[in-house]
């Protein structure tokens, strides 16, 4: 404790748990607020565009199916790569992290 400063290792375990819990709660609240505001903005935008573009209704009904198909294709591709080239996938991910 040179100069009257506390080292980071001197944090009491109960304080660490409290700080960690506060961090998780704050992050969760922020994430919820962000997602709700994005959803509200999207809903209001769709309502505004739908009043000016009559063909949006058909697109809005089919868009979730296209999105789901894209997710399934991407997941299938990643699964295929992981099953058939596990070593190459691991080497590529490690080398991309290394820089």
Protein backbone atom coordinates (compact mmCIF):
# COMPACT_ATOMS: atom_id res chain seq x y z
CA UNK A 1 0.00 0.00 0.00
CA UNK A 2 2.52 2.56 -1.13
CA UNK A 3 1.32 6.13 -0.94
CA UNK A 4 -1.90 5.15 0.85
CA UNK A 5 -3.41 3.50 -2.24
CA UNK A 6 -5.27 0.22 -2.05
CA UNK A 7 -4.25 -2.51 -4.43
CA UNK A 8 -6.99 -4.03 -6.61
CA UNK A 9 -6.42 -7.38 -4.90
CA UNK A 10 -7.47 -5.84 -1.57
CA UNK A 11 -11.16 -5.84 -2.56
CA UNK A 12 -13.18 -7.90 -0.11
CA UNK A 13 -14.96 -10.88 -1.73
CA UNK A 14 -18.36 -9.56 -0.63
CA UNK A 15 -17.59 -6.27 -2.36
CA UNK A 16 -16.56 -8.11 -5.50
CA UNK A 17 -19.83 -10.05 -5.52
CA UNK A 18 -21.81 -6.85 -4.98
CA UNK A 19 -19.95 -5.03 -7.74
CA UNK A 20 -20.40 -7.96 -10.10
CA UNK A 21 -24.10 -8.16 -9.33
CA UNK A 22 -24.50 -4.41 -9.88
CA UNK A 23 -22.68 -4.71 -13.21
CA UNK A 24 -24.95 -7.54 -14.38
CA UNK A 25 -28.11 -5.71 -13.30
CA UNK A 26 -27.05 -2.46 -15.00
CA UNK A 27 -26.12 -4.29 -18.18
CA UNK A 28 -29.45 -6.17 -18.20
CA UNK A 29 -31.47 -2.99 -17.70
CA UNK A 30 -29.52 -1.19 -20.44
CA UNK A 31 -29.96 -4.11 -22.84
CA UNK A 32 -33.70 -4.29 -22.13
CA UNK A 33 -34.11 -0.55 -22.69
CA UNK A 34 -32.14 -0.72 -25.93
CA UNK A 35 -34.16 -3.64 -27.27
CA UNK A 36 -37.50 -2.12 -26.31
CA UNK A 37 -36.60 1.21 -27.89
CA UNK A 38 -35.41 -0.55 -31.06
CA UNK A 39 -38.68 -2.52 -31.22
CA UNK A 40 -40.82 0.57 -30.68
CA UNK A 41 -38.86 2.45 -33.34
CA UNK A 42 -39.25 -0.43 -35.79
CA UNK A 43 -43.00 -0.71 -35.11
CA UNK A 44 -43.55 3.01 -35.59
CA UNK A 45 -41.43 2.98 -38.76
CA UNK A 46 -43.40 0.09 -40.23
CA UNK A 47 -46.67 1.83 -39.41
CA UNK A 48 -45.46 5.02 -41.10
CA UNK A 49 -44.17 3.24 -44.21
CA UNK A 50 -47.31 1.07 -44.45
CA UNK A 51 -49.45 4.19 -44.66
CA UNK A 52 -47.45 5.32 -47.72
CA UNK A 53 -46.71 1.97 -49.38
CA UNK A 54 -49.60 -0.46 -49.79
CA UNK A 55 -47.45 -3.45 -50.81
CA UNK A 56 -45.66 -3.56 -47.45
CA UNK A 57 -48.34 -5.81 -45.95
CA UNK A 58 -47.42 -8.80 -48.13
CA UNK A 59 -43.71 -8.26 -47.57
CA UNK A 60 -44.23 -7.93 -43.82
CA UNK A 61 -46.05 -11.26 -43.70
CA UNK A 62 -43.34 -13.14 -45.63
CA UNK A 63 -40.20 -11.46 -44.22
CA UNK A 64 -40.03 -13.61 -41.03
CA UNK A 65 -39.94 -16.78 -43.15
CA UNK A 66 -37.04 -15.44 -45.20
CA UNK A 67 -35.21 -14.43 -42.05
CA UNK A 68 -35.75 -17.87 -40.50
CA UNK A 69 -34.49 -19.55 -43.69
CA UNK A 70 -31.35 -17.41 -43.63
CA UNK A 71 -30.68 -18.33 -39.99
CA UNK A 72 -31.16 -22.04 -40.76
CA UNK A 73 -28.80 -21.82 -43.76
CA UNK A 74 -26.09 -20.02 -41.79
CA UNK A 75 -26.41 -22.44 -38.88
CA UNK A 76 -26.25 -25.42 -41.22
CA UNK A 77 -23.15 -24.05 -42.93
CA UNK A 78 -21.38 -23.43 -39.62
CA UNK A 79 -22.39 -26.86 -38.34
CA UNK A 80 -21.11 -28.52 -41.52
CA UNK A 81 -17.77 -26.72 -41.23
CA UNK A 82 -17.46 -27.63 -37.56
CA UNK A 83 -18.20 -31.31 -38.16
CA UNK A 84 -16.05 -31.80 -41.23
CA UNK A 85 -13.14 -29.46 -40.53
CA UNK A 86 -12.89 -29.07 -36.74
CA UNK A 87 -9.10 -28.60 -36.68
CA UNK A 88 -9.11 -26.05 -39.50
CA UNK A 89 -11.92 -24.12 -37.83
CA UNK A 90 -10.04 -24.05 -34.54
CA UNK A 91 -6.77 -22.98 -36.16
CA UNK A 92 -8.47 -20.24 -38.18
CA UNK A 93 -10.28 -18.83 -35.15
CA UNK A 94 -7.10 -18.86 -33.04
CA UNK A 95 -4.99 -17.29 -35.79
CA UNK A 96 -7.58 -14.56 -36.36
CA UNK A 97 -7.50 -13.73 -32.65
CA UNK A 98 -3.70 -13.65 -32.60
CA UNK A 99 -3.64 -10.95 -35.11
